[in-house]
Amino acid sequence: MRHCSVQVRGLLTREELDRYNALMEVGGFLESQTRYDLAYTVQREVDLLIMPAIERLKEKSRQRDRDTEAYLNSKAASREAKEDEEKD
């Protein structure tokens, strides 16, 4: 069974995390019994379960990019204002 990243797990809701842990336990048991055909089905369910958390992680990244852009724009504007003051 493939685990999701720590970042994604951190964005799972409590209910999603409980279900994730249960599915991983079931999948691990199935793999130990060499029932890879059934473990594959469980892995697909895990992949579907973590999709909302992946989207939340992407949105956090997009928000961080917007915040960085706003910060850099404000720094550039203050630098231009300072240069204009020095010219006068």
N, C-alpha and C. Protein backbone atom coordinates (compact mmCIF):
# COMPACT_ATOMS: atom_id res chain seq x y z
N MET A 1 0.84 -1.18 0.00
CA MET A 1 0.00 0.00 0.00
C MET A 1 0.89 1.24 0.00
N ARG A 2 0.49 2.20 -0.80
CA ARG A 2 1.22 3.46 -0.88
C ARG A 2 0.58 4.47 0.06
N HIS A 3 1.38 5.04 0.93
CA HIS A 3 0.89 6.09 1.82
C HIS A 3 0.89 7.42 1.08
N CYS A 4 0.02 8.32 1.51
CA CYS A 4 0.06 9.68 0.96
C CYS A 4 1.10 10.47 1.76
N SER A 5 1.42 11.66 1.27
CA SER A 5 2.45 12.46 1.93
C SER A 5 1.97 12.97 3.28
N VAL A 6 2.91 13.37 4.11
CA VAL A 6 2.59 13.92 5.42
C VAL A 6 1.78 15.21 5.27
N GLN A 7 2.11 16.01 4.24
CA GLN A 7 1.38 17.25 4.02
C GLN A 7 -0.09 16.97 3.72
N VAL A 8 -0.35 15.97 2.90
CA VAL A 8 -1.73 15.62 2.56
C VAL A 8 -2.44 15.05 3.78
N ARG A 9 -1.76 14.17 4.51
CA ARG A 9 -2.39 13.60 5.72
C ARG A 9 -2.74 14.69 6.72
N GLY A 10 -1.92 15.73 6.80
CA GLY A 10 -2.18 16.83 7.72
C GLY A 10 -3.42 17.62 7.35
N LEU A 11 -3.85 17.53 6.11
CA LEU A 11 -5.03 18.27 5.66
C LEU A 11 -6.29 17.42 5.60
N LEU A 12 -6.19 16.17 6.01
CA LEU A 12 -7.39 15.31 6.08
C LEU A 12 -8.21 15.71 7.29
N THR A 13 -9.52 15.67 7.14
CA THR A 13 -10.38 15.89 8.30
C THR A 13 -10.27 14.69 9.22
N ARG A 14 -10.75 14.81 10.44
CA ARG A 14 -10.67 13.69 11.39
C ARG A 14 -11.36 12.45 10.82
N GLU A 15 -12.52 12.64 10.23
CA GLU A 15 -13.27 11.51 9.65
C GLU A 15 -12.49 10.88 8.50
N GLU A 16 -11.92 11.72 7.63
CA GLU A 16 -11.13 11.21 6.51
C GLU A 16 -9.89 10.47 7.02
N LEU A 17 -9.25 11.01 8.04
CA LEU A 17 -8.05 10.38 8.58
C LEU A 17 -8.37 9.04 9.22
N ASP A 18 -9.47 8.96 9.94
CA ASP A 18 -9.86 7.68 10.53
C ASP A 18 -10.12 6.64 9.44
N ARG A 19 -10.81 7.05 8.40
CA ARG A 19 -11.10 6.13 7.29
C ARG A 19 -9.81 5.75 6.57
N TYR A 20 -8.91 6.72 6.38
CA TYR A 20 -7.62 6.46 5.74
C TYR A 20 -6.84 5.40 6.52
N ASN A 21 -6.74 5.60 7.83
CA ASN A 21 -6.00 4.65 8.67
C ASN A 21 -6.61 3.26 8.62
N ALA A 22 -7.94 3.19 8.64
CA ALA A 22 -8.61 1.88 8.57
C ALA A 22 -8.35 1.20 7.23
N LEU A 23 -8.44 1.96 6.16
CA LEU A 23 -8.18 1.38 4.84
C LEU A 23 -6.73 0.92 4.71
N MET A 24 -5.80 1.70 5.26
CA MET A 24 -4.40 1.29 5.18
C MET A 24 -4.16 0.01 5.98
N GLU A 25 -4.83 -0.11 7.10
CA GLU A 25 -4.69 -1.33 7.91
C GLU A 25 -5.25 -2.54 7.15
N VAL A 26 -6.41 -2.37 6.56
CA VAL A 26 -7.00 -3.46 5.77
C VAL A 26 -6.11 -3.81 4.60
N GLY A 27 -5.61 -2.79 3.89
CA GLY A 27 -4.73 -3.03 2.76
C GLY A 27 -3.45 -3.73 3.16
N GLY A 28 -2.88 -3.33 4.28
CA GLY A 28 -1.67 -4.00 4.77
C GLY A 28 -1.92 -5.46 5.10
N PHE A 29 -3.07 -5.73 5.71
CA PHE A 29 -3.43 -7.11 6.01
C PHE A 29 -3.58 -7.92 4.72
N LEU A 30 -4.28 -7.35 3.75
CA LEU A 30 -4.47 -8.06 2.48
C LEU A 30 -3.14 -8.33 1.79
N GLU A 31 -2.22 -7.37 1.85
CA GLU A 31 -0.90 -7.61 1.25
C GLU A 31 -0.15 -8.70 2.00
N SER A 32 -0.29 -8.74 3.32
CA SER A 32 0.40 -9.78 4.09
C SER A 32 -0.15 -11.17 3.76
N GLN A 33 -1.38 -11.20 3.30
CA GLN A 33 -2.01 -12.47 2.89
C GLN A 33 -1.84 -12.72 1.39
N THR A 34 -1.00 -11.92 0.76
CA THR A 34 -0.74 -11.95 -0.69
C THR A 34 -2.03 -11.85 -1.51
N ARG A 35 -2.98 -11.06 -1.03
CA ARG A 35 -4.22 -10.81 -1.77
C ARG A 35 -4.09 -9.45 -2.45
N TYR A 36 -3.14 -9.35 -3.35
CA TYR A 36 -2.85 -8.09 -4.01
C TYR A 36 -4.00 -7.60 -4.88
N ASP A 37 -4.81 -8.55 -5.37
CA ASP A 37 -5.97 -8.15 -6.17
C ASP A 37 -6.94 -7.32 -5.33
N LEU A 38 -7.17 -7.71 -4.10
CA LEU A 38 -8.06 -6.95 -3.22
C LEU A 38 -7.37 -5.71 -2.66
N ALA A 39 -6.07 -5.81 -2.41
CA ALA A 39 -5.33 -4.65 -1.91
C ALA A 39 -5.34 -3.52 -2.95
N TYR A 40 -5.35 -3.87 -4.21
CA TYR A 40 -5.41 -2.87 -5.27
C TYR A 40 -6.72 -2.08 -5.18
N THR A 41 -7.81 -2.77 -4.92
CA THR A 41 -9.11 -2.11 -4.79
C THR A 41 -9.11 -1.17 -3.59
N VAL A 42 -8.52 -1.59 -2.49
CA VAL A 42 -8.43 -0.75 -1.30
C VAL A 42 -7.55 0.47 -1.60
N GLN A 43 -6.46 0.28 -2.33
CA GLN A 43 -5.58 1.40 -2.69
C GLN A 43 -6.33 2.42 -3.53
N ARG A 44 -7.17 1.96 -4.44
CA ARG A 44 -7.96 2.89 -5.25
C ARG A 44 -8.90 3.70 -4.37
N GLU A 45 -9.48 3.08 -3.35
CA GLU A 45 -10.35 3.79 -2.42
C GLU A 45 -9.57 4.84 -1.63
N VAL A 46 -8.35 4.49 -1.23
CA VAL A 46 -7.49 5.46 -0.53
C VAL A 46 -7.19 6.64 -1.44
N ASP A 47 -6.89 6.35 -2.70
CA ASP A 47 -6.59 7.42 -3.65
C ASP A 47 -7.77 8.36 -3.82
N LEU A 48 -8.97 7.83 -3.86
CA LEU A 48 -10.18 8.67 -3.95
C LEU A 48 -10.40 9.46 -2.67
N LEU A 49 -10.13 8.84 -1.54
CA LEU A 49 -10.34 9.47 -0.24
C LEU A 49 -9.46 10.70 -0.06
N ILE A 50 -8.23 10.65 -0.54
CA ILE A 50 -7.30 11.75 -0.30
C ILE A 50 -7.41 12.88 -1.31
N MET A 51 -8.21 12.72 -2.36
CA MET A 51 -8.33 13.76 -3.37
C MET A 51 -8.75 15.13 -2.80
N PRO A 52 -9.74 15.22 -1.91
CA PRO A 52 -10.08 16.54 -1.35
C PRO A 52 -8.92 17.19 -0.60
N ALA A 53 -8.15 16.39 0.12
CA ALA A 53 -7.00 16.94 0.85
C ALA A 53 -5.93 17.43 -0.11
N ILE A 54 -5.75 16.74 -1.23
CA ILE A 54 -4.79 17.19 -2.24
C ILE A 54 -5.23 18.53 -2.81
N GLU A 55 -6.53 18.68 -3.05
CA GLU A 55 -7.05 19.95 -3.55
C GLU A 55 -6.85 21.07 -2.52
N ARG A 56 -7.04 20.75 -1.24
CA ARG A 56 -6.80 21.76 -0.19
C ARG A 56 -5.33 22.17 -0.17
N LEU A 57 -4.43 21.20 -0.37
CA LEU A 57 -2.99 21.51 -0.40
C LEU A 57 -2.66 22.39 -1.60
N LYS A 58 -3.25 22.10 -2.75
CA LYS A 58 -3.02 22.93 -3.93
C LYS A 58 -3.52 24.35 -3.69
N GLU A 59 -4.68 24.49 -3.06
CA GLU A 59 -5.22 25.83 -2.79
C GLU A 59 -4.33 26.59 -1.83
N LYS A 60 -3.77 25.91 -0.83
CA LYS A 60 -2.83 26.57 0.08
C LYS A 60 -1.62 27.08 -0.69
N SER A 61 -1.14 26.29 -1.63
CA SER A 61 0.01 26.68 -2.43
C SER A 61 -0.32 27.89 -3.31
N ARG A 62 -1.51 27.87 -3.93
CA ARG A 62 -1.92 29.00 -4.76
C ARG A 62 -2.05 30.27 -3.91
N GLN A 63 -2.61 30.13 -2.69
CA GLN A 63 -2.75 31.29 -1.81
C GLN A 63 -1.39 31.83 -1.39
N ARG A 64 -0.44 30.95 -1.12
CA ARG A 64 0.90 31.37 -0.76
C ARG A 64 1.55 32.12 -1.93
N ASP A 65 1.32 31.64 -3.15
CA ASP A 65 1.85 32.32 -4.33
C ASP A 65 1.23 33.72 -4.47
N ARG A 66 -0.09 33.83 -4.24
CA ARG A 66 -0.75 35.14 -4.32
C ARG A 66 -0.21 36.08 -3.24
N ASP A 67 -0.01 35.56 -2.04
CA ASP A 67 0.53 36.38 -0.95
C ASP A 67 1.96 36.85 -1.27
N THR A 68 2.76 35.96 -1.83
CA THR A 68 4.13 36.32 -2.20
C THR A 68 4.13 37.40 -3.27
N GLU A 69 3.26 37.24 -4.27
CA GLU A 69 3.17 38.24 -5.33
C GLU A 69 2.75 39.60 -4.78
N ALA A 70 1.77 39.61 -3.89
CA ALA A 70 1.32 40.87 -3.29
C ALA A 70 2.44 41.51 -2.49
N TYR A 71 3.19 40.72 -1.75
CA TYR A 71 4.31 41.24 -0.96
C TYR A 71 5.38 41.84 -1.87
N LEU A 72 5.73 41.12 -2.92
CA LEU A 72 6.76 41.62 -3.84
C LEU A 72 6.29 42.89 -4.55
N ASN A 73 5.02 42.96 -4.90
CA ASN A 73 4.48 44.16 -5.53
C ASN A 73 4.53 45.35 -4.58
N SER A 74 4.20 45.11 -3.30
CA SER A 74 4.25 46.20 -2.33
C SER A 74 5.68 46.67 -2.10
N LYS A 75 6.64 45.73 -2.08
CA LYS A 75 8.04 46.10 -1.93
C LYS A 75 8.51 46.93 -3.13
N ALA A 76 8.10 46.53 -4.32
CA ALA A 76 8.49 47.27 -5.53
C ALA A 76 7.87 48.67 -5.51
N ALA A 77 6.64 48.78 -5.09
CA ALA A 77 5.96 50.08 -5.04
C ALA A 77 6.62 50.99 -4.02
N SER A 78 6.99 50.45 -2.86
CA SER A 78 7.64 51.28 -1.85
C SER A 78 9.04 51.70 -2.30
N ARG A 79 9.72 50.83 -3.03
CA ARG A 79 11.04 51.16 -3.56
C ARG A 79 10.92 52.29 -4.59
N GLU A 80 9.90 52.20 -5.45
CA GLU A 80 9.69 53.25 -6.45
C GLU A 80 9.33 54.57 -5.78
N ALA A 81 8.51 54.52 -4.74
CA ALA A 81 8.12 55.74 -4.02
C ALA A 81 9.35 56.37 -3.36
N LYS A 82 10.21 55.54 -2.82
CA LYS A 82 11.43 56.04 -2.18
C LYS A 82 12.35 56.69 -3.21
N GLU A 83 12.48 56.08 -4.38
CA GLU A 83 13.31 56.65 -5.44
C GLU A 83 12.75 57.97 -5.93
N ASP A 84 11.42 58.06 -6.02
CA ASP A 84 10.78 59.32 -6.43
C ASP A 84 11.04 60.42 -5.42
N GLU A 85 11.01 60.11 -4.14
CA GLU A 85 11.28 61.09 -3.09
C GLU A 85 12.71 61.59 -3.18
N GLU A 86 13.64 60.69 -3.47
CA GLU A 86 15.05 61.08 -3.55
C GLU A 86 15.31 61.99 -4.76
N LYS A 87 14.52 61.84 -5.81
CA LYS A 87 14.70 62.67 -7.01
C LYS A 87 14.24 64.10 -6.75
N ASP A 88 13.24 64.27 -5.92
CA ASP A 88 12.70 65.60 -5.63
C ASP A 88 13.57 66.34 -4.73
